Amino acid sequence: MSENGKPDCYKCEHRGTLPGSEHSKCTHPLVADLVRDPLFNLAATLASVGRVAPVQVGADKLNIRANYHGIKRGWFNWPMNFDPTWLEQCEGFTPKETV
């Protein structure tokens, strides 16, 4: 969590990366099957460029809440392709282990 109480995906052990993008994907065990699904990945990609409605699949599993503007503009297609800037709440946050 950040100082303002907002989850910081960059410090979460479940943050995955996307090739060629600064966006993130969530690899939390409760949504891992969704993230591996090629159809959902295609839908998230199309949503990020405004070709289909925004994707918010499985958000109820971790009580995900995000800024409406980020969702509407296609920048927050959780868990497959999202900009963590728009994330407001996540109950799946697990801090990365420090060595």
PDB file of N, CA and C in Angstrom:
ATOM      1  N   MET A   1       0.839  -1.182   0.000  1.00  0.00           N
ATOM      2  CA  MET A   1       0.000   0.000   0.000  1.00  0.00           C
ATOM      3  C   MET A   1       0.880   1.240   0.000  1.00  0.00           C
ATOM      4  N   SER A   2       0.371   2.281  -0.613  1.00  0.00           N
ATOM      5  CA  SER A   2       1.112   3.539  -0.629  1.00  0.00           C
ATOM      6  C   SER A   2       0.737   4.368   0.594  1.00  0.00           C
ATOM      7  N   GLU A   3       1.373   5.510   0.728  1.00  0.00           N
ATOM      8  CA  GLU A   3       1.117   6.363   1.884  1.00  0.00           C
ATOM      9  C   GLU A   3      -0.315   6.884   1.906  1.00  0.00           C
ATOM     10  N   ASN A   4      -0.943   7.036   0.734  1.00  0.00           N
ATOM     11  CA  ASN A   4      -2.311   7.547   0.690  1.00  0.00           C
ATOM     12  C   ASN A   4      -3.357   6.433   0.818  1.00  0.00           C
ATOM     13  N   GLY A   5      -2.938   5.211   1.116  1.00  0.00           N
ATOM     14  CA  GLY A   5      -3.846   4.091   1.304  1.00  0.00           C
ATOM     15  C   GLY A   5      -4.252   3.389   0.015  1.00  0.00           C
ATOM     16  N   LYS A   6      -3.769   3.873  -1.102  1.00  0.00           N
ATOM     17  CA  LYS A   6      -4.073   3.288  -2.403  1.00  0.00           C
ATOM     18  C   LYS A   6      -3.087   2.146  -2.676  1.00  0.00           C
ATOM     19  N   PRO A   7      -3.556   1.003  -3.193  1.00  0.00           N
ATOM     20  CA  PRO A   7      -2.634  -0.096  -3.486  1.00  0.00           C
ATOM     21  C   PRO A   7      -1.585   0.315  -4.521  1.00  0.00           C
ATOM     22  N   ASP A   8      -0.361  -0.121  -4.329  1.00  0.00           N
ATOM     23  CA  ASP A   8       0.724   0.178  -5.264  1.00  0.00           C
ATOM     24  C   ASP A   8       1.121  -1.117  -5.959  1.00  0.00           C
ATOM     25  N   CYS A   9       0.582  -1.332  -7.139  1.00  0.00           N
ATOM     26  CA  CYS A   9       0.833  -2.578  -7.881  1.00  0.00           C
ATOM     27  C   CYS A   9       2.314  -2.844  -8.093  1.00  0.00           C
ATOM     28  N   TYR A  10       3.093  -1.796  -8.218  1.00  0.00           N
ATOM     29  CA  TYR A  10       4.524  -1.969  -8.478  1.00  0.00           C
ATOM     30  C   TYR A  10       5.245  -2.594  -7.284  1.00  0.00           C
ATOM     31  N   LYS A  11       4.599  -2.599  -6.125  1.00  0.00           N
ATOM     32  CA  LYS A  11       5.178  -3.205  -4.929  1.00  0.00           C
ATOM     33  C   LYS A  11       4.469  -4.500  -4.544  1.00  0.00           C
ATOM     34  N   CYS A  12       3.620  -5.012  -5.437  1.00  0.00           N
ATOM     35  CA  CYS A  12       2.847  -6.227  -5.162  1.00  0.00           C
ATOM     36  C   CYS A  12       3.478  -7.428  -5.859  1.00  0.00           C
ATOM     37  N   GLU A  13       3.527  -8.548  -5.163  1.00  0.00           N
ATOM     38  CA  GLU A  13       4.132  -9.751  -5.751  1.00  0.00           C
ATOM     39  C   GLU A  13       3.288 -10.339  -6.881  1.00  0.00           C
ATOM     40  N   HIS A  14       2.052  -9.909  -7.022  1.00  0.00           N
ATOM     41  CA  HIS A  14       1.171 -10.449  -8.058  1.00  0.00           C
ATOM     42  C   HIS A  14       1.142  -9.602  -9.329  1.00  0.00           C
ATOM     43  N   ARG A  15       1.955  -8.550  -9.394  1.00  0.00           N
ATOM     44  CA  ARG A  15       1.966  -7.717 -10.600  1.00  0.00           C
ATOM     45  C   ARG A  15       2.756  -8.421 -11.693  1.00  0.00           C
ATOM     46  N   GLY A  16       2.106  -8.589 -12.823  1.00  0.00           N
ATOM     47  CA  GLY A  16       2.770  -9.123 -14.004  1.00  0.00           C
ATOM     48  C   GLY A  16       2.966  -8.012 -15.021  1.00  0.00           C
ATOM     49  N   THR A  17       3.858  -8.240 -15.960  1.00  0.00           N
ATOM     50  CA  THR A  17       4.128  -7.239 -16.987  1.00  0.00           C
ATOM     51  C   THR A  17       3.541  -7.683 -18.324  1.00  0.00           C
ATOM     52  N   LEU A  18       3.426  -6.725 -19.222  1.00  0.00           N
ATOM     53  CA  LEU A  18       2.950  -6.993 -20.574  1.00  0.00           C
ATOM     54  C   LEU A  18       4.038  -6.600 -21.556  1.00  0.00           C
ATOM     55  N   PRO A  19       4.397  -7.469 -22.469  1.00  0.00           N
ATOM     56  CA  PRO A  19       5.447  -7.137 -23.441  1.00  0.00           C
ATOM     57  C   PRO A  19       5.088  -5.883 -24.242  1.00  0.00           C
ATOM     58  N   GLY A  20       6.018  -4.956 -24.318  1.00  0.00           N
ATOM     59  CA  GLY A  20       5.823  -3.741 -25.097  1.00  0.00           C
ATOM     60  C   GLY A  20       4.898  -2.722 -24.478  1.00  0.00           C
ATOM     61  N   SER A  21       4.611  -2.854 -23.186  1.00  0.00           N
ATOM     62  CA  SER A  21       3.675  -1.947 -22.529  1.00  0.00           C
ATOM     63  C   SER A  21       4.132  -1.649 -21.108  1.00  0.00           C
ATOM     64  N   GLU A  22       3.770  -0.491 -20.634  1.00  0.00           N
ATOM     65  CA  GLU A  22       4.011  -0.148 -19.231  1.00  0.00           C
ATOM     66  C   GLU A  22       2.834  -0.581 -18.363  1.00  0.00           C
ATOM     67  N   HIS A  23       1.760  -1.061 -18.990  1.00  0.00           N
ATOM     68  CA  HIS A  23       0.602  -1.518 -18.235  1.00  0.00           C
ATOM     69  C   HIS A  23       0.949  -2.791 -17.463  1.00  0.00           C
ATOM     70  N   SER A  24       0.033  -3.200 -16.619  1.00  0.00           N
ATOM     71  CA  SER A  24       0.236  -4.363 -15.760  1.00  0.00           C
ATOM     72  C   SER A  24      -0.833  -5.409 -16.024  1.00  0.00           C
ATOM     73  N   LYS A  25      -0.576  -6.598 -15.501  1.00  0.00           N
ATOM     74  CA  LYS A  25      -1.606  -7.619 -15.405  1.00  0.00           C
ATOM     75  C   LYS A  25      -1.513  -8.183 -13.999  1.00  0.00           C
ATOM     76  N   CYS A  26      -2.633  -8.662 -13.488  1.00  0.00           N
ATOM     77  CA  CYS A  26      -2.656  -9.219 -12.140  1.00  0.00           C
ATOM     78  C   CYS A  26      -2.529 -10.735 -12.242  1.00  0.00           C
ATOM     79  N   THR A  27      -1.581 -11.294 -11.506  1.00  0.00           N
ATOM     80  CA  THR A  27      -1.373 -12.745 -11.520  1.00  0.00           C
ATOM     81  C   THR A  27      -1.775 -13.389 -10.193  1.00  0.00           C
ATOM     82  N   HIS A  28      -2.638 -12.701  -9.442  1.00  0.00           N
ATOM     83  CA  HIS A  28      -3.115 -13.243  -8.167  1.00  0.00           C
ATOM     84  C   HIS A  28      -3.739 -14.619  -8.427  1.00  0.00           C
ATOM     85  N   PRO A  29      -3.531 -15.585  -7.538  1.00  0.00           N
ATOM     86  CA  PRO A  29      -4.062 -16.939  -7.751  1.00  0.00           C
ATOM     87  C   PRO A  29      -5.572 -16.994  -8.011  1.00  0.00           C
ATOM     88  N   LEU A  30      -6.343 -16.057  -7.462  1.00  0.00           N
ATOM     89  CA  LEU A  30      -7.790 -16.080  -7.673  1.00  0.00           C
ATOM     90  C   LEU A  30      -8.201 -15.694  -9.094  1.00  0.00           C
ATOM     91  N   VAL A  31      -7.308 -15.047  -9.836  1.00  0.00           N
ATOM     92  CA  VAL A  31      -7.638 -14.643 -11.213  1.00  0.00           C
ATOM     93  C   VAL A  31      -6.626 -15.170 -12.232  1.00  0.00           C
ATOM     94  N   ALA A  32      -5.718 -16.003 -11.805  1.00  0.00           N
ATOM     95  CA  ALA A  32      -4.646 -16.487 -12.688  1.00  0.00           C
ATOM     96  C   ALA A  32      -5.194 -17.206 -13.923  1.00  0.00           C
ATOM     97  N   ASP A  33      -6.266 -17.981 -13.773  1.00  0.00           N
ATOM     98  CA  ASP A  33      -6.843 -18.680 -14.925  1.00  0.00           C
ATOM     99  C   ASP A  33      -7.380 -17.698 -15.961  1.00  0.00           C
ATOM    100  N   LEU A  34      -7.983 -16.609 -15.502  1.00  0.00           N
ATOM    101  CA  LEU A  34      -8.492 -15.591 -16.428  1.00  0.00           C
ATOM    102  C   LEU A  34      -7.361 -14.954 -17.217  1.00  0.00           C
ATOM    103  N   VAL A  35      -6.278 -14.640 -16.537  1.00  0.00           N
ATOM    104  CA  VAL A  35      -5.152 -13.956 -17.171  1.00  0.00           C
ATOM    105  C   VAL A  35      -4.507 -14.838 -18.238  1.00  0.00           C
ATOM    106  N   ARG A  36      -4.549 -16.142 -18.039  1.00  0.00           N
ATOM    107  CA  ARG A  36      -3.961 -17.069 -19.016  1.00  0.00           C
ATOM    108  C   ARG A  36      -4.890 -17.351 -20.200  1.00  0.00           C
ATOM    109  N   ASP A  37      -6.148 -16.955 -20.107  1.00  0.00           N
ATOM    110  CA  ASP A  37      -7.125 -17.244 -21.153  1.00  0.00           C
ATOM    111  C   ASP A  37      -6.913 -16.338 -22.369  1.00  0.00           C
ATOM    112  N   PRO A  38      -6.598 -16.903 -23.541  1.00  0.00           N
ATOM    113  CA  PRO A  38      -6.317 -16.081 -24.721  1.00  0.00           C
ATOM    114  C   PRO A  38      -7.504 -15.215 -25.157  1.00  0.00           C
ATOM    115  N   LEU A  39      -8.723 -15.708 -24.989  1.00  0.00           N
ATOM    116  CA  LEU A  39      -9.894 -14.927 -25.383  1.00  0.00           C
ATOM    117  C   LEU A  39     -10.036 -13.671 -24.522  1.00  0.00           C
ATOM    118  N   PHE A  40      -9.835 -13.810 -23.216  1.00  0.00           N
ATOM    119  CA  PHE A  40      -9.908 -12.642 -22.338  1.00  0.00           C
ATOM    120  C   PHE A  40      -8.779 -11.665 -22.637  1.00  0.00           C
ATOM    121  N   ASN A  41      -7.615 -12.169 -22.971  1.00  0.00           N
ATOM    122  CA  ASN A  41      -6.503 -11.286 -23.337  1.00  0.00           C
ATOM    123  C   ASN A  41      -6.816 -10.513 -24.611  1.00  0.00           C
ATOM    124  N   LEU A  42      -7.428 -11.168 -25.572  1.00  0.00           N
ATOM    125  CA  LEU A  42      -7.827 -10.486 -26.799  1.00  0.00           C
ATOM    126  C   LEU A  42      -8.866  -9.406 -26.495  1.00  0.00           C
ATOM    127  N   ALA A  43      -9.853  -9.738 -25.672  1.00  0.00           N
ATOM    128  CA  ALA A  43     -10.882  -8.762 -25.309  1.00  0.00           C
ATOM    129  C   ALA A  43     -10.270  -7.551 -24.611  1.00  0.00           C
ATOM    130  N   ALA A  44      -9.315  -7.778 -23.722  1.00  0.00           N
ATOM    131  CA  ALA A  44      -8.662  -6.671 -23.016  1.00  0.00           C
ATOM    132  C   ALA A  44      -7.861  -5.802 -23.975  1.00  0.00           C
ATOM    133  N   THR A  45      -7.209  -6.424 -24.944  1.00  0.00           N
ATOM    134  CA  THR A  45      -6.452  -5.662 -25.937  1.00  0.00           C
ATOM    135  C   THR A  45      -7.390  -4.808 -26.781  1.00  0.00           C
ATOM    136  N   LEU A  46      -8.482  -5.387 -27.234  1.00  0.00           N
ATOM    137  CA  LEU A  46      -9.451  -4.631 -28.030  1.00  0.00           C
ATOM    138  C   LEU A  46     -10.097  -3.516 -27.206  1.00  0.00           C
ATOM    139  N   ALA A  47     -10.351  -3.775 -25.943  1.00  0.00           N
ATOM    140  CA  ALA A  47     -10.937  -2.748 -25.075  1.00  0.00           C
ATOM    141  C   ALA A  47      -9.971  -1.592 -24.856  1.00  0.00           C
ATOM    142  N   SER A  48      -8.685  -1.882 -24.802  1.00  0.00           N
ATOM    143  CA  SER A  48      -7.702  -0.821 -24.544  1.00  0.00           C
ATOM    144  C   SER A  48      -7.588   0.164 -25.702  1.00  0.00           C
ATOM    145  N   VAL A  49      -8.067  -0.222 -26.881  1.00  0.00           N
ATOM    146  CA  VAL A  49      -8.051   0.692 -28.032  1.00  0.00           C
ATOM    147  C   VAL A  49      -9.466   1.085 -28.456  1.00  0.00           C
ATOM    148  N   GLY A  50     -10.434   0.851 -27.582  1.00  0.00           N
ATOM    149  CA  GLY A  50     -11.795   1.317 -27.806  1.00  0.00           C
ATOM    150  C   GLY A  50     -12.621   0.523 -28.796  1.00  0.00           C
ATOM    151  N   ARG A  51     -12.218  -0.694 -29.117  1.00  0.00           N
ATOM    152  CA  ARG A  51     -12.966  -1.505 -30.091  1.00  0.00           C
ATOM    153  C   ARG A  51     -14.116  -2.290 -29.459  1.00  0.00           C
ATOM    154  N   VAL A  52     -14.014  -2.570 -28.172  1.00  0.00           N
ATOM    155  CA  VAL A  52     -15.084  -3.243 -27.435  1.00  0.00           C
ATOM    156  C   VAL A  52     -15.207  -2.571 -26.073  1.00  0.00           C
ATOM    157  N   ALA A  53     -16.268  -2.922 -25.359  1.00  0.00           N
ATOM    158  CA  ALA A  53     -16.485  -2.339 -24.028  1.00  0.00           C
ATOM    159  C   ALA A  53     -15.343  -2.714 -23.083  1.00  0.00           C
ATOM    160  N   PRO A  54     -15.067  -1.851 -22.081  1.00  0.00           N
ATOM    161  CA  PRO A  54     -14.014  -2.158 -21.104  1.00  0.00           C
ATOM    162  C   PRO A  54     -14.247  -3.505 -20.418  1.00  0.00           C
ATOM    163  N   VAL A  55     -13.167  -4.182 -20.107  1.00  0.00           N
ATOM    164  CA  VAL A  55     -13.209  -5.506 -19.488  1.00  0.00           C
ATOM    165  C   VAL A  55     -12.916  -5.382 -17.994  1.00  0.00           C
ATOM    166  N   GLN A  56     -13.800  -5.919 -17.172  1.00  0.00           N
ATOM    167  CA  GLN A  56     -13.605  -5.949 -15.724  1.00  0.00           C
ATOM    168  C   GLN A  56     -14.020  -7.330 -15.225  1.00  0.00           C
ATOM    169  N   VAL A  57     -13.345  -8.350 -15.654  1.00  0.00           N
ATOM    170  CA  VAL A  57     -13.708  -9.728 -15.334  1.00  0.00           C
ATOM    171  C   VAL A  57     -13.052 -10.159 -14.029  1.00  0.00           C
ATOM    172  N   GLY A  58     -13.839 -10.706 -13.119  1.00  0.00           N
ATOM    173  CA  GLY A  58     -13.296 -11.236 -11.874  1.00  0.00           C
ATOM    174  C   GLY A  58     -12.954 -10.198 -10.829  1.00  0.00           C
ATOM    175  N   ALA A  59     -13.301  -8.943 -11.051  1.00  0.00           N
ATOM    176  CA  ALA A  59     -12.945  -7.878 -10.107  1.00  0.00           C
ATOM    177  C   ALA A  59     -13.583  -8.083  -8.739  1.00  0.00           C
ATOM    178  N   ASP A  60     -14.720  -8.758  -8.707  1.00  0.00           N
ATOM    179  CA  ASP A  60     -15.392  -9.001  -7.431  1.00  0.00           C
ATOM    180  C   ASP A  60     -14.607  -9.966  -6.539  1.00  0.00           C
ATOM    181  N   LYS A  61     -13.771 -10.809  -7.124  1.00  0.00           N
ATOM    182  CA  LYS A  61     -13.004 -11.780  -6.334  1.00  0.00           C
ATOM    183  C   LYS A  61     -12.015 -11.112  -5.377  1.00  0.00           C
ATOM    184  N   LEU A  62     -11.490  -9.950  -5.765  1.00  0.00           N
ATOM    185  CA  LEU A  62     -10.509  -9.242  -4.931  1.00  0.00           C
ATOM    186  C   LEU A  62     -11.012  -7.855  -4.530  1.00  0.00           C
ATOM    187  N   ASN A  63     -12.312  -7.631  -4.724  1.00  0.00           N
ATOM    188  CA  ASN A  63     -12.930  -6.349  -4.387  1.00  0.00           C
ATOM    189  C   ASN A  63     -12.177  -5.187  -5.044  1.00  0.00           C
ATOM    190  N   ILE A  64     -11.970  -5.294  -6.333  1.00  0.00           N
ATOM    191  CA  ILE A  64     -11.249  -4.280  -7.103  1.00  0.00           C
ATOM    192  C   ILE A  64     -12.157  -3.089  -7.354  1.00  0.00           C
ATOM    193  N   ARG A  65     -11.632  -1.903  -7.118  1.00  0.00           N
ATOM    194  CA  ARG A  65     -12.315  -0.649  -7.438  1.00  0.00           C
ATOM    195  C   ARG A  65     -11.322   0.222  -8.184  1.00  0.00           C
ATOM    196  N   ALA A  66     -11.812   0.885  -9.225  1.00  0.00           N
ATOM    197  CA  ALA A  66     -10.940   1.748 -10.023  1.00  0.00           C
ATOM    198  C   ALA A  66     -11.681   3.022 -10.402  1.00  0.00           C
ATOM    199  N   ASN A  67     -10.918   4.024 -10.776  1.00  0.00           N
ATOM    200  CA  ASN A  67     -11.465   5.297 -11.202  1.00  0.00           C
ATOM    201  C   ASN A  67     -12.269   5.105 -12.490  1.00  0.00           C
ATOM    202  N   TYR A  68     -13.464   5.656 -12.511  1.00  0.00           N
ATOM    203  CA  TYR A  68     -14.363   5.493 -13.654  1.00  0.00           C
ATOM    204  C   TYR A  68     -13.742   6.021 -14.950  1.00  0.00           C
ATOM    205  N   HIS A  69     -13.062   7.133 -14.876  1.00  0.00           N
ATOM    206  CA  HIS A  69     -12.464   7.735 -16.072  1.00  0.00           C
ATOM    207  C   HIS A  69     -11.459   6.777 -16.729  1.00  0.00           C
ATOM    208  N   GLY A  70     -10.621   6.142 -15.914  1.00  0.00           N
ATOM    209  CA  GLY A  70      -9.644   5.190 -16.441  1.00  0.00           C
ATOM    210  C   GLY A  70     -10.298   3.981 -17.089  1.00  0.00           C
ATOM    211  N   ILE A  71     -11.402   3.525 -16.500  1.00  0.00           N
ATOM    212  CA  ILE A  71     -12.134   2.391 -17.073  1.00  0.00           C
ATOM    213  C   ILE A  71     -12.765   2.802 -18.400  1.00  0.00           C
ATOM    214  N   LYS A  72     -13.473   3.908 -18.383  1.00  0.00           N
ATOM    215  CA  LYS A  72     -14.193   4.381 -19.568  1.00  0.00           C
ATOM    216  C   LYS A  72     -13.266   4.634 -20.758  1.00  0.00           C
ATOM    217  N   ARG A  73     -12.062   5.131 -20.498  1.00  0.00           N
ATOM    218  CA  ARG A  73     -11.113   5.435 -21.572  1.00  0.00           C
ATOM    219  C   ARG A  73     -10.350   4.197 -22.063  1.00  0.00           C
ATOM    220  N   GLY A  74     -10.555   3.037 -21.411  1.00  0.00           N
ATOM    221  CA  GLY A  74      -9.898   1.811 -21.849  1.00  0.00           C
ATOM    222  C   GLY A  74      -8.528   1.589 -21.239  1.00  0.00           C
ATOM    223  N   TRP A  75      -8.205   2.344 -20.206  1.00  0.00           N
ATOM    224  CA  TRP A  75      -6.885   2.254 -19.584  1.00  0.00           C
ATOM    225  C   TRP A  75      -6.864   1.306 -18.384  1.00  0.00           C
ATOM    226  N   PHE A  76      -8.024   0.759 -18.030  1.00  0.00           N
ATOM    227  CA  PHE A  76      -8.092  -0.123 -16.870  1.00  0.00           C
ATOM    228  C   PHE A  76      -8.966  -1.326 -17.208  1.00  0.00           C
ATOM    229  N   ASN A  77      -8.379  -2.327 -17.831  1.00  0.00           N
ATOM    230  CA  ASN A  77      -9.061  -3.570 -18.177  1.00  0.00           C
ATOM    231  C   ASN A  77      -8.500  -4.667 -17.278  1.00  0.00           C
ATOM    232  N   TRP A  78      -8.967  -4.659 -16.054  1.00  0.00           N
ATOM    233  CA  TRP A  78      -8.430  -5.539 -15.022  1.00  0.00           C
ATOM    234  C   TRP A  78      -9.014  -6.937 -15.192  1.00  0.00           C
ATOM    235  N   PRO A  79      -8.262  -7.982 -15.036  1.00  0.00           N
ATOM    236  CA  PRO A  79      -6.882  -8.111 -14.590  1.00  0.00           C
ATOM    237  C   PRO A  79      -5.863  -8.249 -15.723  1.00  0.00           C
ATOM    238  N   MET A  80      -6.316  -8.170 -16.982  1.00  0.00           N
ATOM    239  CA  MET A  80      -5.415  -8.503 -18.084  1.00  0.00           C
ATOM    240  C   MET A  80      -4.501  -7.385 -18.560  1.00  0.00           C
ATOM    241  N   ASN A  81      -4.983  -6.153 -18.570  1.00  0.00           N
ATOM    242  CA  ASN A  81      -4.223  -5.064 -19.181  1.00  0.00           C
ATOM    243  C   ASN A  81      -4.697  -3.751 -18.563  1.00  0.00           C
ATOM    244  N   PHE A  82      -3.989  -3.284 -17.549  1.00  0.00           N
ATOM    245  CA  PHE A  82      -4.458  -2.079 -16.865  1.00  0.00           C
ATOM    246  C   PHE A  82      -3.306  -1.190 -16.423  1.00  0.00           C
ATOM    247  N   ASP A  83      -3.614   0.091 -16.329  1.00  0.00           N
ATOM    248  CA  ASP A  83      -2.675   1.071 -15.798  1.00  0.00           C
ATOM    249  C   ASP A  83      -2.961   1.190 -14.305  1.00  0.00           C
ATOM    250  N   PRO A  84      -2.025   0.798 -13.439  1.00  0.00           N
ATOM    251  CA  PRO A  84      -2.249   0.820 -11.995  1.00  0.00           C
ATOM    252  C   PRO A  84      -2.587   2.200 -11.429  1.00  0.00           C
ATOM    253  N   THR A  85      -2.327   3.251 -12.189  1.00  0.00           N
ATOM    254  CA  THR A  85      -2.658   4.605 -11.738  1.00  0.00           C
ATOM    255  C   THR A  85      -4.128   4.713 -11.363  1.00  0.00           C
ATOM    256  N   TRP A  86      -4.987   3.997 -12.066  1.00  0.00           N
ATOM    257  CA  TRP A  86      -6.430   4.119 -11.872  1.00  0.00           C
ATOM    258  C   TRP A  86      -6.968   3.214 -10.767  1.00  0.00           C
ATOM    259  N   LEU A  87      -6.161   2.329 -10.228  1.00  0.00           N
ATOM    260  CA  LEU A  87      -6.601   1.418  -9.169  1.00  0.00           C
ATOM    261  C   LEU A  87      -6.827   2.177  -7.870  1.00  0.00           C
ATOM    262  N   GLU A  88      -7.993   1.973  -7.264  1.00  0.00           N
ATOM    263  CA  GLU A  88      -8.319   2.639  -6.001  1.00  0.00           C
ATOM    264  C   GLU A  88      -8.379   1.667  -4.829  1.00  0.00           C
ATOM    265  N   GLN A  89      -8.742   0.413  -5.100  1.00  0.00           N
ATOM    266  CA  GLN A  89      -8.875  -0.563  -4.019  1.00  0.00           C
ATOM    267  C   GLN A  89      -8.585  -1.959  -4.543  1.00  0.00           C
ATOM    268  N   CYS A  90      -7.860  -2.747  -3.737  1.00  0.00           N
ATOM    269  CA  CYS A  90      -7.570  -4.138  -4.081  1.00  0.00           C
ATOM    270  C   CYS A  90      -7.307  -4.905  -2.790  1.00  0.00           C
ATOM    271  N   GLU A  91      -8.085  -5.956  -2.565  1.00  0.00           N
ATOM    272  CA  GLU A  91      -7.891  -6.773  -1.368  1.00  0.00           C
ATOM    273  C   GLU A  91      -6.909  -7.916  -1.601  1.00  0.00           C
ATOM    274  N   GLY A  92      -6.320  -7.978  -2.791  1.00  0.00           N
ATOM    275  CA  GLY A  92      -5.356  -9.028  -3.090  1.00  0.00           C
ATOM    276  C   GLY A  92      -3.913  -8.570  -3.002  1.00  0.00           C
ATOM    277  N   PHE A  93      -3.700  -7.325  -2.602  1.00  0.00           N
ATOM    278  CA  PHE A  93      -2.341  -6.780  -2.528  1.00  0.00           C
ATOM    279  C   PHE A  93      -1.497  -7.584  -1.542  1.00  0.00           C
ATOM    280  N   THR A  94      -0.349  -8.045  -2.006  1.00  0.00           N
ATOM    281  CA  THR A  94       0.616  -8.752  -1.170  1.00  0.00           C
ATOM    282  C   THR A  94       1.979  -8.129  -1.437  1.00  0.00           C
ATOM    283  N   PRO A  95       2.587  -7.508  -0.428  1.00  0.00           N
ATOM    284  CA  PRO A  95       3.883  -6.850  -0.659  1.00  0.00           C
ATOM    285  C   PRO A  95       4.944  -7.836  -1.133  1.00  0.00           C
ATOM    286  N   LYS A  96       5.790  -7.363  -2.043  1.00  0.00           N
ATOM    287  CA  LYS A  96       6.922  -8.180  -2.483  1.00  0.00           C
ATOM    288  C   LYS A  96       7.848  -8.411  -1.303  1.00  0.00           C
ATOM    289  N   GLU A  97       8.441  -9.587  -1.268  1.00  0.00           N
ATOM    290  CA  GLU A  97       9.412  -9.877  -0.211  1.00  0.00           C
ATOM    291  C   GLU A  97      10.694  -9.115  -0.491  1.00  0.00           C
ATOM    292  N   THR A  98      11.243  -8.525   0.544  1.00  0.00           N
ATOM    293  CA  THR A  98      12.523  -7.830   0.390  1.00  0.00           C
ATOM    294  C   THR A  98      13.635  -8.727   0.902  1.00  0.00           C
ATOM    295  N   VAL A  99      14.733  -8.700   0.207  1.00  0.00           N
ATOM    296  CA  VAL A  99      15.863  -9.569   0.562  1.00  0.00           C
ATOM    297  C   VAL A  99      16.865  -8.798   1.381  1.00  0.00           C
TER     298      VAL A  99
END
